[in-house]
Amino acid sequence: MAARPSHTWADWAAISASGLCLVHCLALPLVIATLPSIGGAVAGSTTHWVLLAFALPVSLWVLTRDPWPEGLVPLAFGAAGLALMAFGVAFYEGLIAERGLTVAGVSLVAAAHFIRWRRRRAI
C-alpha cells in the first residue's frame, strides 16, 4: 500500500531541516573562521534559540501526529534528540559540548523521522 502523502512530506521536511541544522553546526565554524565580520551575527546565541524554537514544535507535531502504527520508537528517539538539543543550548552555549550535544540530538531527531517515514511506507 502507498504511503500517505500528508505524512511523507512532513517527515521529509523534518529530515531536511535536521540536515540543514547539521550543516549549520559542522560547517559554519569553518565559514566563520574565514569571514570574521559575519561570525557574531550568524552564530550568535539567539540563532540557536530560534532554531530550537522552530525544531521543537515542528518535530513534536510531526512525531505525535497519527502515531500508530509507527509505535513509540520514533517518538522516543525524537524526544531524546530534542532534549539533547535543548540541554546543549541551555547549559553549554558557546562551548564545544554544545556542538556535540546538538549534533547528537539532531541525529536522533533525523533518525526518528526516517524511522517513521520507513514505517509509513511499509503500510
PDB file of N, CA and C in Angstrom:
ATOM      1  N   MET A   1       0.845  -1.173   0.000  1.00  0.00           N
ATOM      2  CA  MET A   1       0.000   0.000   0.000  1.00  0.00           C
ATOM      3  C   MET A   1       0.897   1.246   0.000  1.00  0.00           C
ATOM      4  N   ALA A   2       0.490   2.277  -0.678  1.00  0.00           N
ATOM      5  CA  ALA A   2       1.295   3.503  -0.784  1.00  0.00           C
ATOM      6  C   ALA A   2       1.232   4.318   0.504  1.00  0.00           C
ATOM      7  N   ALA A   3       2.313   5.049   0.773  1.00  0.00           N
ATOM      8  CA  ALA A   3       2.357   5.921   1.957  1.00  0.00           C
ATOM      9  C   ALA A   3       1.411   7.091   1.770  1.00  0.00           C
ATOM     10  N   ARG A   4       0.915   7.590   2.868  1.00  0.00           N
ATOM     11  CA  ARG A   4       0.044   8.753   2.809  1.00  0.00           C
ATOM     12  C   ARG A   4       0.895   9.999   2.600  1.00  0.00           C
ATOM     13  N   PRO A   5       0.639  10.749   1.520  1.00  0.00           N
ATOM     14  CA  PRO A   5       1.476  11.913   1.221  1.00  0.00           C
ATOM     15  C   PRO A   5       1.507  12.948   2.333  1.00  0.00           C
ATOM     16  N   SER A   6       0.415  13.097   3.074  1.00  0.00           N
ATOM     17  CA  SER A   6       0.388  14.127   4.107  1.00  0.00           C
ATOM     18  C   SER A   6       1.424  13.867   5.193  1.00  0.00           C
ATOM     19  N   HIS A   7       1.754  12.610   5.415  1.00  0.00           N
ATOM     20  CA  HIS A   7       2.765  12.296   6.417  1.00  0.00           C
ATOM     21  C   HIS A   7       4.155  12.257   5.802  1.00  0.00           C
ATOM     22  N   THR A   8       4.230  11.811   4.571  1.00  0.00           N
ATOM     23  CA  THR A   8       5.526  11.700   3.914  1.00  0.00           C
ATOM     24  C   THR A   8       6.199  13.056   3.783  1.00  0.00           C
ATOM     25  N   TRP A   9       5.472  14.070   3.350  1.00  0.00           N
ATOM     26  CA  TRP A   9       6.094  15.384   3.176  1.00  0.00           C
ATOM     27  C   TRP A   9       6.561  15.950   4.504  1.00  0.00           C
ATOM     28  N   ALA A  10       5.799  15.737   5.565  1.00  0.00           N
ATOM     29  CA  ALA A  10       6.172  16.288   6.871  1.00  0.00           C
ATOM     30  C   ALA A  10       7.449  15.639   7.389  1.00  0.00           C
ATOM     31  N   ASP A  11       7.549  14.322   7.248  1.00  0.00           N
ATOM     32  CA  ASP A  11       8.765  13.644   7.703  1.00  0.00           C
ATOM     33  C   ASP A  11       9.967  14.059   6.865  1.00  0.00           C
ATOM     34  N   TRP A  12       9.800  14.169   5.556  1.00  0.00           N
ATOM     35  CA  TRP A  12      10.915  14.592   4.713  1.00  0.00           C
ATOM     36  C   TRP A  12      11.310  16.034   4.984  1.00  0.00           C
ATOM     37  N   ALA A  13      10.347  16.881   5.275  1.00  0.00           N
ATOM     38  CA  ALA A  13      10.664  18.266   5.629  1.00  0.00           C
ATOM     39  C   ALA A  13      11.472  18.303   6.924  1.00  0.00           C
ATOM     40  N   ALA A  14      11.082  17.485   7.892  1.00  0.00           N
ATOM     41  CA  ALA A  14      11.804  17.438   9.174  1.00  0.00           C
ATOM     42  C   ALA A  14      13.207  16.865   8.996  1.00  0.00           C
ATOM     43  N   ILE A  15      13.345  15.840   8.161  1.00  0.00           N
ATOM     44  CA  ILE A  15      14.672  15.269   7.892  1.00  0.00           C
ATOM     45  C   ILE A  15      15.557  16.317   7.210  1.00  0.00           C
ATOM     46  N   SER A  16      14.986  17.057   6.269  1.00  0.00           N
ATOM     47  CA  SER A  16      15.749  18.110   5.588  1.00  0.00           C
ATOM     48  C   SER A  16      16.177  19.203   6.551  1.00  0.00           C
ATOM     49  N   ALA A  17      15.279  19.593   7.448  1.00  0.00           N
ATOM     50  CA  ALA A  17      15.618  20.609   8.449  1.00  0.00           C
ATOM     51  C   ALA A  17      16.731  20.109   9.358  1.00  0.00           C
ATOM     52  N   SER A  18      16.699  18.834   9.721  1.00  0.00           N
ATOM     53  CA  SER A  18      17.764  18.261  10.545  1.00  0.00           C
ATOM     54  C   SER A  18      19.093  18.302   9.802  1.00  0.00           C
ATOM     55  N   GLY A  19      19.061  18.007   8.511  1.00  0.00           N
ATOM     56  CA  GLY A  19      20.280  18.065   7.712  1.00  0.00           C
ATOM     57  C   GLY A  19      20.852  19.471   7.641  1.00  0.00           C
ATOM     58  N   LEU A  20      19.969  20.450   7.476  1.00  0.00           N
ATOM     59  CA  LEU A  20      20.429  21.842   7.465  1.00  0.00           C
ATOM     60  C   LEU A  20      21.032  22.232   8.807  1.00  0.00           C
ATOM     61  N   CYS A  21      20.453  21.732   9.868  1.00  0.00           N
ATOM     62  CA  CYS A  21      20.991  22.018  11.200  1.00  0.00           C
ATOM     63  C   CYS A  21      22.393  21.422  11.348  1.00  0.00           C
ATOM     64  N   LEU A  22      22.583  20.201  10.855  1.00  0.00           N
ATOM     65  CA  LEU A  22      23.911  19.584  10.913  1.00  0.00           C
ATOM     66  C   LEU A  22      24.928  20.404  10.118  1.00  0.00           C
ATOM     67  N   VAL A  23      24.520  20.869   8.950  1.00  0.00           N
ATOM     68  CA  VAL A  23      25.417  21.715   8.156  1.00  0.00           C
ATOM     69  C   VAL A  23      25.764  22.978   8.935  1.00  0.00           C
ATOM     70  N   HIS A  24      24.754  23.570   9.558  1.00  0.00           N
ATOM     71  CA  HIS A  24      24.982  24.772  10.367  1.00  0.00           C
ATOM     72  C   HIS A  24      25.986  24.492  11.480  1.00  0.00           C
ATOM     73  N   CYS A  25      25.801  23.386  12.179  1.00  0.00           N
ATOM     74  CA  CYS A  25      26.664  23.070  13.327  1.00  0.00           C
ATOM     75  C   CYS A  25      28.083  22.710  12.925  1.00  0.00           C
ATOM     76  N   LEU A  26      28.231  21.989  11.838  1.00  0.00           N
ATOM     77  CA  LEU A  26      29.546  21.473  11.477  1.00  0.00           C
ATOM     78  C   LEU A  26      30.314  22.357  10.489  1.00  0.00           C
ATOM     79  N   ALA A  27      29.624  22.963   9.544  1.00  0.00           N
ATOM     80  CA  ALA A  27      30.316  23.741   8.517  1.00  0.00           C
ATOM     81  C   ALA A  27      30.434  25.214   8.867  1.00  0.00           C
ATOM     82  N   LEU A  28      29.494  25.737   9.616  1.00  0.00           N
ATOM     83  CA  LEU A  28      29.508  27.165   9.906  1.00  0.00           C
ATOM     84  C   LEU A  28      30.772  27.633  10.626  1.00  0.00           C
ATOM     85  N   PRO A  29      31.335  26.859  11.557  1.00  0.00           N
ATOM     86  CA  PRO A  29      32.580  27.327  12.183  1.00  0.00           C
ATOM     87  C   PRO A  29      33.701  27.564  11.168  1.00  0.00           C
ATOM     88  N   LEU A  30      33.749  26.765  10.107  1.00  0.00           N
ATOM     89  CA  LEU A  30      34.767  26.987   9.072  1.00  0.00           C
ATOM     90  C   LEU A  30      34.492  28.277   8.307  1.00  0.00           C
ATOM     91  N   VAL A  31      33.238  28.535   8.008  1.00  0.00           N
ATOM     92  CA  VAL A  31      32.870  29.774   7.311  1.00  0.00           C
ATOM     93  C   VAL A  31      33.183  30.979   8.192  1.00  0.00           C
ATOM     94  N   ILE A  32      32.855  30.864   9.460  1.00  0.00           N
ATOM     95  CA  ILE A  32      33.088  31.962  10.401  1.00  0.00           C
ATOM     96  C   ILE A  32      34.582  32.260  10.526  1.00  0.00           C
ATOM     97  N   ALA A  33      35.387  31.216  10.502  1.00  0.00           N
ATOM     98  CA  ALA A  33      36.836  31.418  10.611  1.00  0.00           C
ATOM     99  C   ALA A  33      37.375  32.202   9.423  1.00  0.00           C
ATOM    100  N   THR A  34      36.745  32.031   8.263  1.00  0.00           N
ATOM    101  CA  THR A  34      37.228  32.743   7.083  1.00  0.00           C
ATOM    102  C   THR A  34      36.589  34.110   6.905  1.00  0.00           C
ATOM    103  N   LEU A  35      35.450  34.319   7.535  1.00  0.00           N
ATOM    104  CA  LEU A  35      34.746  35.594   7.410  1.00  0.00           C
ATOM    105  C   LEU A  35      34.395  36.151   8.792  1.00  0.00           C
ATOM    106  N   PRO A  36      35.361  36.642   9.529  1.00  0.00           N
ATOM    107  CA  PRO A  36      35.114  37.093  10.900  1.00  0.00           C
ATOM    108  C   PRO A  36      34.046  38.179  11.027  1.00  0.00           C
ATOM    109  N   SER A  37      33.841  38.942  10.006  1.00  0.00           N
ATOM    110  CA  SER A  37      32.884  40.045  10.124  1.00  0.00           C
ATOM    111  C   SER A  37      31.447  39.577  10.266  1.00  0.00           C
ATOM    112  N   ILE A  38      31.105  38.376   9.776  1.00  0.00           N
ATOM    113  CA  ILE A  38      29.724  37.900   9.913  1.00  0.00           C
ATOM    114  C   ILE A  38      29.564  36.899  11.052  1.00  0.00           C
ATOM    115  N   GLY A  39      30.640  36.516  11.682  1.00  0.00           N
ATOM    116  CA  GLY A  39      30.609  35.488  12.715  1.00  0.00           C
ATOM    117  C   GLY A  39      29.610  35.724  13.819  1.00  0.00           C
ATOM    118  N   GLY A  40      29.628  36.883  14.414  1.00  0.00           N
ATOM    119  CA  GLY A  40      28.737  37.152  15.539  1.00  0.00           C
ATOM    120  C   GLY A  40      27.279  37.156  15.158  1.00  0.00           C
ATOM    121  N   ALA A  41      26.981  37.628  13.965  1.00  0.00           N
ATOM    122  CA  ALA A  41      25.583  37.712  13.536  1.00  0.00           C
ATOM    123  C   ALA A  41      24.997  36.349  13.222  1.00  0.00           C
ATOM    124  N   VAL A  42      25.774  35.450  12.633  1.00  0.00           N
ATOM    125  CA  VAL A  42      25.247  34.160  12.192  1.00  0.00           C
ATOM    126  C   VAL A  42      25.301  33.107  13.281  1.00  0.00           C
ATOM    127  N   ALA A  43      26.299  33.137  14.132  1.00  0.00           N
ATOM    128  CA  ALA A  43      26.482  32.078  15.112  1.00  0.00           C
ATOM    129  C   ALA A  43      26.113  32.509  16.518  1.00  0.00           C
ATOM    130  N   GLY A  44      25.443  33.611  16.666  1.00  0.00           N
ATOM    131  CA  GLY A  44      25.092  34.097  17.988  1.00  0.00           C
ATOM    132  C   GLY A  44      24.129  33.186  18.722  1.00  0.00           C
ATOM    133  N   SER A  45      24.018  33.386  20.013  1.00  0.00           N
ATOM    134  CA  SER A  45      23.163  32.527  20.827  1.00  0.00           C
ATOM    135  C   SER A  45      21.700  32.642  20.421  1.00  0.00           C
ATOM    136  N   THR A  46      21.292  33.797  19.946  1.00  0.00           N
ATOM    137  CA  THR A  46      19.903  33.964  19.517  1.00  0.00           C
ATOM    138  C   THR A  46      19.565  33.010  18.387  1.00  0.00           C
ATOM    139  N   THR A  47      20.507  32.802  17.480  1.00  0.00           N
ATOM    140  CA  THR A  47      20.276  31.890  16.355  1.00  0.00           C
ATOM    141  C   THR A  47      19.944  30.493  16.849  1.00  0.00           C
ATOM    142  N   HIS A  48      20.684  30.003  17.827  1.00  0.00           N
ATOM    143  CA  HIS A  48      20.444  28.651  18.328  1.00  0.00           C
ATOM    144  C   HIS A  48      19.104  28.541  19.040  1.00  0.00           C
ATOM    145  N   TRP A  49      18.730  29.558  19.768  1.00  0.00           N
ATOM    146  CA  TRP A  49      17.415  29.548  20.429  1.00  0.00           C
ATOM    147  C   TRP A  49      16.292  29.588  19.394  1.00  0.00           C
ATOM    148  N   VAL A  50      16.469  30.369  18.342  1.00  0.00           N
ATOM    149  CA  VAL A  50      15.444  30.448  17.289  1.00  0.00           C
ATOM    150  C   VAL A  50      15.311  29.107  16.573  1.00  0.00           C
ATOM    151  N   LEU A  51      16.438  28.484  16.237  1.00  0.00           N
ATOM    152  CA  LEU A  51      16.391  27.177  15.583  1.00  0.00           C
ATOM    153  C   LEU A  51      15.741  26.125  16.484  1.00  0.00           C
ATOM    154  N   LEU A  52      16.048  26.158  17.767  1.00  0.00           N
ATOM    155  CA  LEU A  52      15.422  25.226  18.704  1.00  0.00           C
ATOM    156  C   LEU A  52      13.927  25.499  18.815  1.00  0.00           C
ATOM    157  N   ALA A  53      13.557  26.774  18.846  1.00  0.00           N
ATOM    158  CA  ALA A  53      12.134  27.129  18.932  1.00  0.00           C
ATOM    159  C   ALA A  53      11.383  26.673  17.683  1.00  0.00           C
ATOM    160  N   PHE A  54      12.057  26.557  16.561  1.00  0.00           N
ATOM    161  CA  PHE A  54      11.443  26.028  15.352  1.00  0.00           C
ATOM    162  C   PHE A  54      11.382  24.502  15.398  1.00  0.00           C
ATOM    163  N   ALA A  55      12.477  23.872  15.801  1.00  0.00           N
ATOM    164  CA  ALA A  55      12.565  22.408  15.784  1.00  0.00           C
ATOM    165  C   ALA A  55      11.603  21.743  16.767  1.00  0.00           C
ATOM    166  N   LEU A  56      11.476  22.306  17.956  1.00  0.00           N
ATOM    167  CA  LEU A  56      10.619  21.673  18.973  1.00  0.00           C
ATOM    168  C   LEU A  56       9.177  21.488  18.513  1.00  0.00           C
ATOM    169  N   PRO A  57       8.460  22.533  18.166  1.00  0.00           N
ATOM    170  CA  PRO A  57       7.055  22.319  17.811  1.00  0.00           C
ATOM    171  C   PRO A  57       6.865  21.545  16.507  1.00  0.00           C
ATOM    172  N   VAL A  58       7.738  21.790  15.524  1.00  0.00           N
ATOM    173  CA  VAL A  58       7.575  21.103  14.247  1.00  0.00           C
ATOM    174  C   VAL A  58       7.807  19.607  14.406  1.00  0.00           C
ATOM    175  N   SER A  59       8.900  19.225  15.050  1.00  0.00           N
ATOM    176  CA  SER A  59       9.190  17.804  15.225  1.00  0.00           C
ATOM    177  C   SER A  59       8.161  17.127  16.114  1.00  0.00           C
ATOM    178  N   LEU A  60       7.776  17.776  17.190  1.00  0.00           N
ATOM    179  CA  LEU A  60       6.762  17.172  18.055  1.00  0.00           C
ATOM    180  C   LEU A  60       5.432  17.019  17.331  1.00  0.00           C
ATOM    181  N   TRP A  61       5.076  18.002  16.526  1.00  0.00           N
ATOM    182  CA  TRP A  61       3.831  17.912  15.769  1.00  0.00           C
ATOM    183  C   TRP A  61       3.863  16.724  14.807  1.00  0.00           C
ATOM    184  N   VAL A  62       4.969  16.591  14.063  1.00  0.00           N
ATOM    185  CA  VAL A  62       5.068  15.508  13.087  1.00  0.00           C
ATOM    186  C   VAL A  62       5.136  14.151  13.788  1.00  0.00           C
ATOM    187  N   LEU A  63       5.923  14.050  14.849  1.00  0.00           N
ATOM    188  CA  LEU A  63       6.106  12.756  15.508  1.00  0.00           C
ATOM    189  C   LEU A  63       4.885  12.290  16.299  1.00  0.00           C
ATOM    190  N   THR A  64       4.060  13.213  16.738  1.00  0.00           N
ATOM    191  CA  THR A  64       2.876  12.806  17.502  1.00  0.00           C
ATOM    192  C   THR A  64       1.626  12.743  16.639  1.00  0.00           C
ATOM    193  N   ARG A  65       1.721  13.187  15.416  1.00  0.00           N
ATOM    194  CA  ARG A  65       0.571  13.163  14.514  1.00  0.00           C
ATOM    195  C   ARG A  65       0.337  11.746  14.027  1.00  0.00           C
ATOM    196  N   ASP A  66      -0.839  11.220  14.315  1.00  0.00           N
ATOM    197  CA  ASP A  66      -1.218   9.873  13.890  1.00  0.00           C
ATOM    198  C   ASP A  66      -0.092   8.878  14.178  1.00  0.00           C
ATOM    199  N   PRO A  67       0.269   8.680  15.449  1.00  0.00           N
ATOM    200  CA  PRO A  67       1.467   7.905  15.789  1.00  0.00           C
ATOM    201  C   PRO A  67       1.393   6.410  15.493  1.00  0.00           C
ATOM    202  N   TRP A  68       0.231   5.864  15.258  1.00  0.00           N
ATOM    203  CA  TRP A  68       0.147   4.428  15.011  1.00  0.00           C
ATOM    204  C   TRP A  68       0.023   4.198  13.523  1.00  0.00           C
ATOM    205  N   PRO A  69       0.620   3.199  12.951  1.00  0.00           N
ATOM    206  CA  PRO A  69       1.305   2.070  13.546  1.00  0.00           C
ATOM    207  C   PRO A  69       2.800   2.283  13.756  1.00  0.00           C
ATOM    208  N   GLU A  70       3.247   3.498  13.666  1.00  0.00           N
ATOM    209  CA  GLU A  70       4.681   3.749  13.807  1.00  0.00           C
ATOM    210  C   GLU A  70       5.222   3.347  15.170  1.00  0.00           C
ATOM    211  N   GLY A  71       4.380   3.372  16.190  1.00  0.00           N
ATOM    212  CA  GLY A  71       4.826   3.000  17.520  1.00  0.00           C
ATOM    213  C   GLY A  71       5.507   4.143  18.244  1.00  0.00           C
ATOM    214  N   LEU A  72       6.079   3.810  19.359  1.00  0.00           N
ATOM    215  CA  LEU A  72       6.693   4.823  20.208  1.00  0.00           C
ATOM    216  C   LEU A  72       8.189   5.013  19.958  1.00  0.00           C
ATOM    217  N   VAL A  73       8.793   4.165  19.143  1.00  0.00           N
ATOM    218  CA  VAL A  73      10.237   4.277  18.900  1.00  0.00           C
ATOM    219  C   VAL A  73      10.600   5.625  18.273  1.00  0.00           C
ATOM    220  N   PRO A  74       9.931   6.047  17.195  1.00  0.00           N
ATOM    221  CA  PRO A  74      10.287   7.355  16.640  1.00  0.00           C
ATOM    222  C   PRO A  74      10.056   8.497  17.632  1.00  0.00           C
ATOM    223  N   LEU A  75       8.972   8.413  18.391  1.00  0.00           N
ATOM    224  CA  LEU A  75       8.690   9.452  19.374  1.00  0.00           C
ATOM    225  C   LEU A  75       9.770   9.490  20.458  1.00  0.00           C
ATOM    226  N   ALA A  76      10.213   8.327  20.907  1.00  0.00           N
ATOM    227  CA  ALA A  76      11.270   8.269  21.926  1.00  0.00           C
ATOM    228  C   ALA A  76      12.588   8.824  21.380  1.00  0.00           C
ATOM    229  N   PHE A  77      12.956   8.439  20.155  1.00  0.00           N
ATOM    230  CA  PHE A  77      14.176   8.966  19.539  1.00  0.00           C
ATOM    231  C   PHE A  77      14.079  10.480  19.400  1.00  0.00           C
ATOM    232  N   GLY A  78      12.943  10.948  18.887  1.00  0.00           N
ATOM    233  CA  GLY A  78      12.760  12.379  18.680  1.00  0.00           C
ATOM    234  C   GLY A  78      12.797  13.164  19.973  1.00  0.00           C
ATOM    235  N   ALA A  79      12.112  12.659  20.999  1.00  0.00           N
ATOM    236  CA  ALA A  79      12.094  13.353  22.290  1.00  0.00           C
ATOM    237  C   ALA A  79      13.496  13.411  22.896  1.00  0.00           C
ATOM    238  N   ALA A  80      14.234  12.312  22.800  1.00  0.00           N
ATOM    239  CA  ALA A  80      15.603  12.292  23.323  1.00  0.00           C
ATOM    240  C   ALA A  80      16.488  13.280  22.562  1.00  0.00           C
ATOM    241  N   GLY A  81      16.331  13.332  21.241  1.00  0.00           N
ATOM    242  CA  GLY A  81      17.121  14.254  20.429  1.00  0.00           C
ATOM    243  C   GLY A  81      16.809  15.703  20.735  1.00  0.00           C
ATOM    244  N   LEU A  82      15.525  16.018  20.851  1.00  0.00           N
ATOM    245  CA  LEU A  82      15.131  17.393  21.173  1.00  0.00           C
ATOM    246  C   LEU A  82      15.627  17.794  22.563  1.00  0.00           C
ATOM    247  N   ALA A  83      15.590  16.845  23.488  1.00  0.00           N
ATOM    248  CA  ALA A  83      16.086  17.127  24.838  1.00  0.00           C
ATOM    249  C   ALA A  83      17.590  17.419  24.815  1.00  0.00           C
ATOM    250  N   LEU A  84      18.349  16.640  24.044  1.00  0.00           N
ATOM    251  CA  LEU A  84      19.790  16.894  23.938  1.00  0.00           C
ATOM    252  C   LEU A  84      20.065  18.268  23.326  1.00  0.00           C
ATOM    253  N   MET A  85      19.301  18.613  22.297  1.00  0.00           N
ATOM    254  CA  MET A  85      19.478  19.921  21.667  1.00  0.00           C
ATOM    255  C   MET A  85      19.184  21.043  22.662  1.00  0.00           C
ATOM    256  N   ALA A  86      18.086  20.920  23.380  1.00  0.00           N
ATOM    257  CA  ALA A  86      17.700  21.952  24.355  1.00  0.00           C
ATOM    258  C   ALA A  86      18.725  22.036  25.484  1.00  0.00           C
ATOM    259  N   PHE A  87      19.195  20.895  25.947  1.00  0.00           N
ATOM    260  CA  PHE A  87      20.192  20.861  27.018  1.00  0.00           C
ATOM    261  C   PHE A  87      21.475  21.557  26.573  1.00  0.00           C
ATOM    262  N   GLY A  88      21.899  21.284  25.348  1.00  0.00           N
ATOM    263  CA  GLY A  88      23.119  21.901  24.837  1.00  0.00           C
ATOM    264  C   GLY A  88      23.011  23.417  24.743  1.00  0.00           C
ATOM    265  N   VAL A  89      21.886  23.902  24.227  1.00  0.00           N
ATOM    266  CA  VAL A  89      21.708  25.346  24.081  1.00  0.00           C
ATOM    267  C   VAL A  89      21.559  26.017  25.441  1.00  0.00           C
ATOM    268  N   ALA A  90      20.840  25.372  26.347  1.00  0.00           N
ATOM    269  CA  ALA A  90      20.551  25.993  27.637  1.00  0.00           C
ATOM    270  C   ALA A  90      21.766  26.017  28.578  1.00  0.00           C
ATOM    271  N   PHE A  91      22.575  24.962  28.555  1.00  0.00           N
ATOM    272  CA  PHE A  91      23.622  24.851  29.576  1.00  0.00           C
ATOM    273  C   PHE A  91      25.054  24.931  29.057  1.00  0.00           C
ATOM    274  N   TYR A  92      25.253  24.728  27.769  1.00  0.00           N
ATOM    275  CA  TYR A  92      26.621  24.696  27.250  1.00  0.00           C
ATOM    276  C   TYR A  92      26.831  25.672  26.102  1.00  0.00           C
ATOM    277  N   GLU A  93      26.055  26.715  26.062  1.00  0.00           N
ATOM    278  CA  GLU A  93      26.106  27.678  24.967  1.00  0.00           C
ATOM    279  C   GLU A  93      27.525  28.203  24.766  1.00  0.00           C
ATOM    280  N   GLY A  94      27.989  28.104  23.523  1.00  0.00           N
ATOM    281  CA  GLY A  94      29.310  28.616  23.176  1.00  0.00           C
ATOM    282  C   GLY A  94      30.448  27.658  23.471  1.00  0.00           C
ATOM    283  N   LEU A  95      30.189  26.550  24.096  1.00  0.00           N
ATOM    284  CA  LEU A  95      31.235  25.579  24.401  1.00  0.00           C
ATOM    285  C   LEU A  95      31.198  24.442  23.391  1.00  0.00           C
ATOM    286  N   ILE A  96      32.272  23.690  23.305  1.00  0.00           N
ATOM    287  CA  ILE A  96      32.341  22.571  22.372  1.00  0.00           C
ATOM    288  C   ILE A  96      31.285  21.509  22.716  1.00  0.00           C
ATOM    289  N   ALA A  97      30.917  21.403  23.976  1.00  0.00           N
ATOM    290  CA  ALA A  97      29.886  20.438  24.378  1.00  0.00           C
ATOM    291  C   ALA A  97      28.550  20.752  23.720  1.00  0.00           C
ATOM    292  N   GLU A  98      28.278  22.029  23.489  1.00  0.00           N
ATOM    293  CA  GLU A  98      27.017  22.389  22.825  1.00  0.00           C
ATOM    294  C   GLU A  98      26.953  21.773  21.430  1.00  0.00           C
ATOM    295  N   ARG A  99      28.039  21.862  20.708  1.00  0.00           N
ATOM    296  CA  ARG A  99      28.061  21.300  19.363  1.00  0.00           C
ATOM    297  C   ARG A  99      27.866  19.793  19.400  1.00  0.00           C
ATOM    298  N   GLY A 100      28.539  19.124  20.320  1.00  0.00           N
ATOM    299  CA  GLY A 100      28.399  17.675  20.433  1.00  0.00           C
ATOM    300  C   GLY A 100      26.985  17.249  20.789  1.00  0.00           C
ATOM    301  N   LEU A 101      26.397  17.941  21.769  1.00  0.00           N
ATOM    302  CA  LEU A 101      25.019  17.621  22.153  1.00  0.00           C
ATOM    303  C   LEU A 101      24.051  17.932  21.023  1.00  0.00           C
ATOM    304  N   THR A 102      24.271  19.018  20.328  1.00  0.00           N
ATOM    305  CA  THR A 102      23.384  19.396  19.230  1.00  0.00           C
ATOM    306  C   THR A 102      23.480  18.399  18.081  1.00  0.00           C
ATOM    307  N   VAL A 103      24.690  18.007  17.701  1.00  0.00           N
ATOM    308  CA  VAL A 103      24.858  17.035  16.617  1.00  0.00           C
ATOM    309  C   VAL A 103      24.219  15.700  16.996  1.00  0.00           C
ATOM    310  N   ALA A 104      24.424  15.255  18.221  1.00  0.00           N
ATOM    311  CA  ALA A 104      23.801  14.002  18.664  1.00  0.00           C
ATOM    312  C   ALA A 104      22.281  14.129  18.658  1.00  0.00           C
ATOM    313  N   GLY A 105      21.782  15.255  19.161  1.00  0.00           N
ATOM    314  CA  GLY A 105      20.339  15.470  19.211  1.00  0.00           C
ATOM    315  C   GLY A 105      19.710  15.545  17.834  1.00  0.00           C
ATOM    316  N   VAL A 106      20.321  16.292  16.938  1.00  0.00           N
ATOM    317  CA  VAL A 106      19.797  16.413  15.580  1.00  0.00           C
ATOM    318  C   VAL A 106      19.828  15.060  14.872  1.00  0.00           C
ATOM    319  N   SER A 107      20.863  14.288  15.113  1.00  0.00           N
ATOM    320  CA  SER A 107      20.951  12.960  14.503  1.00  0.00           C
ATOM    321  C   SER A 107      19.816  12.066  14.987  1.00  0.00           C
ATOM    322  N   LEU A 108      19.506  12.126  16.277  1.00  0.00           N
ATOM    323  CA  LEU A 108      18.386  11.340  16.809  1.00  0.00           C
ATOM    324  C   LEU A 108      17.053  11.802  16.235  1.00  0.00           C
ATOM    325  N   VAL A 109      16.873  13.095  16.109  1.00  0.00           N
ATOM    326  CA  VAL A 109      15.617  13.617  15.542  1.00  0.00           C
ATOM    327  C   VAL A 109      15.486  13.178  14.087  1.00  0.00           C
ATOM    328  N   ALA A 110      16.553  13.288  13.322  1.00  0.00           N
ATOM    329  CA  ALA A 110      16.510  12.850  11.925  1.00  0.00           C
ATOM    330  C   ALA A 110      16.230  11.353  11.839  1.00  0.00           C
ATOM    331  N   ALA A 111      16.862  10.566  12.718  1.00  0.00           N
ATOM    332  CA  ALA A 111      16.617   9.119  12.729  1.00  0.00           C
ATOM    333  C   ALA A 111      15.156   8.821  13.062  1.00  0.00           C
ATOM    334  N   ALA A 112      14.587   9.565  13.990  1.00  0.00           N
ATOM    335  CA  ALA A 112      13.178   9.364  14.357  1.00  0.00           C
ATOM    336  C   ALA A 112      12.269   9.595  13.153  1.00  0.00           C
ATOM    337  N   HIS A 113      12.512  10.671  12.428  1.00  0.00           N
ATOM    338  CA  HIS A 113      11.686  10.962  11.255  1.00  0.00           C
ATOM    339  C   HIS A 113      11.915   9.938  10.145  1.00  0.00           C
ATOM    340  N   PHE A 114      13.146   9.472  10.014  1.00  0.00           N
ATOM    341  CA  PHE A 114      13.438   8.467   8.994  1.00  0.00           C
ATOM    342  C   PHE A 114      12.750   7.146   9.333  1.00  0.00           C
ATOM    343  N   ILE A 115      12.813   6.739  10.594  1.00  0.00           N
ATOM    344  CA  ILE A 115      12.134   5.503  11.023  1.00  0.00           C
ATOM    345  C   ILE A 115      10.644   5.620  10.758  1.00  0.00           C
ATOM    346  N   ARG A 116      10.087   6.735  11.121  1.00  0.00           N
ATOM    347  CA  ARG A 116       8.654   6.957  10.916  1.00  0.00           C
ATOM    348  C   ARG A 116       8.305   6.895   9.429  1.00  0.00           C
ATOM    349  N   TRP A 117       9.114   7.556   8.599  1.00  0.00           N
ATOM    350  CA  TRP A 117       8.877   7.562   7.164  1.00  0.00           C
ATOM    351  C   TRP A 117       8.934   6.145   6.596  1.00  0.00           C
ATOM    352  N   ARG A 118       9.954   5.366   7.007  1.00  0.00           N
ATOM    353  CA  ARG A 118      10.094   3.981   6.515  1.00  0.00           C
ATOM    354  C   ARG A 118       8.911   3.124   6.951  1.00  0.00           C
ATOM    355  N   ARG A 119       8.468   3.292   8.169  1.00  0.00           N
ATOM    356  CA  ARG A 119       7.326   2.506   8.651  1.00  0.00           C
ATOM    357  C   ARG A 119       6.045   2.909   7.929  1.00  0.00           C
ATOM    358  N   ARG A 120       5.896   4.183   7.619  1.00  0.00           N
ATOM    359  CA  ARG A 120       4.699   4.628   6.883  1.00  0.00           C
ATOM    360  C   ARG A 120       4.692   4.033   5.481  1.00  0.00           C
ATOM    361  N   ARG A 121       5.859   3.938   4.882  1.00  0.00           N
ATOM    362  CA  ARG A 121       5.958   3.359   3.530  1.00  0.00           C
ATOM    363  C   ARG A 121       5.616   1.886   3.542  1.00  0.00           C
ATOM    364  N   ALA A 122       5.880   1.192   4.648  1.00  0.00           N
ATOM    365  CA  ALA A 122       5.648  -0.247   4.729  1.00  0.00           C
ATOM    366  C   ALA A 122       4.163  -0.592   4.910  1.00  0.00           C
ATOM    367  N   ILE A 123       3.342   0.400   5.221  1.00  0.00           N
ATOM    368  CA  ILE A 123       1.921   0.131   5.456  1.00  0.00           C
ATOM    369  C   ILE A 123       1.239  -0.159   4.140  1.00  0.00           C
TER     370      ILE A 123
END
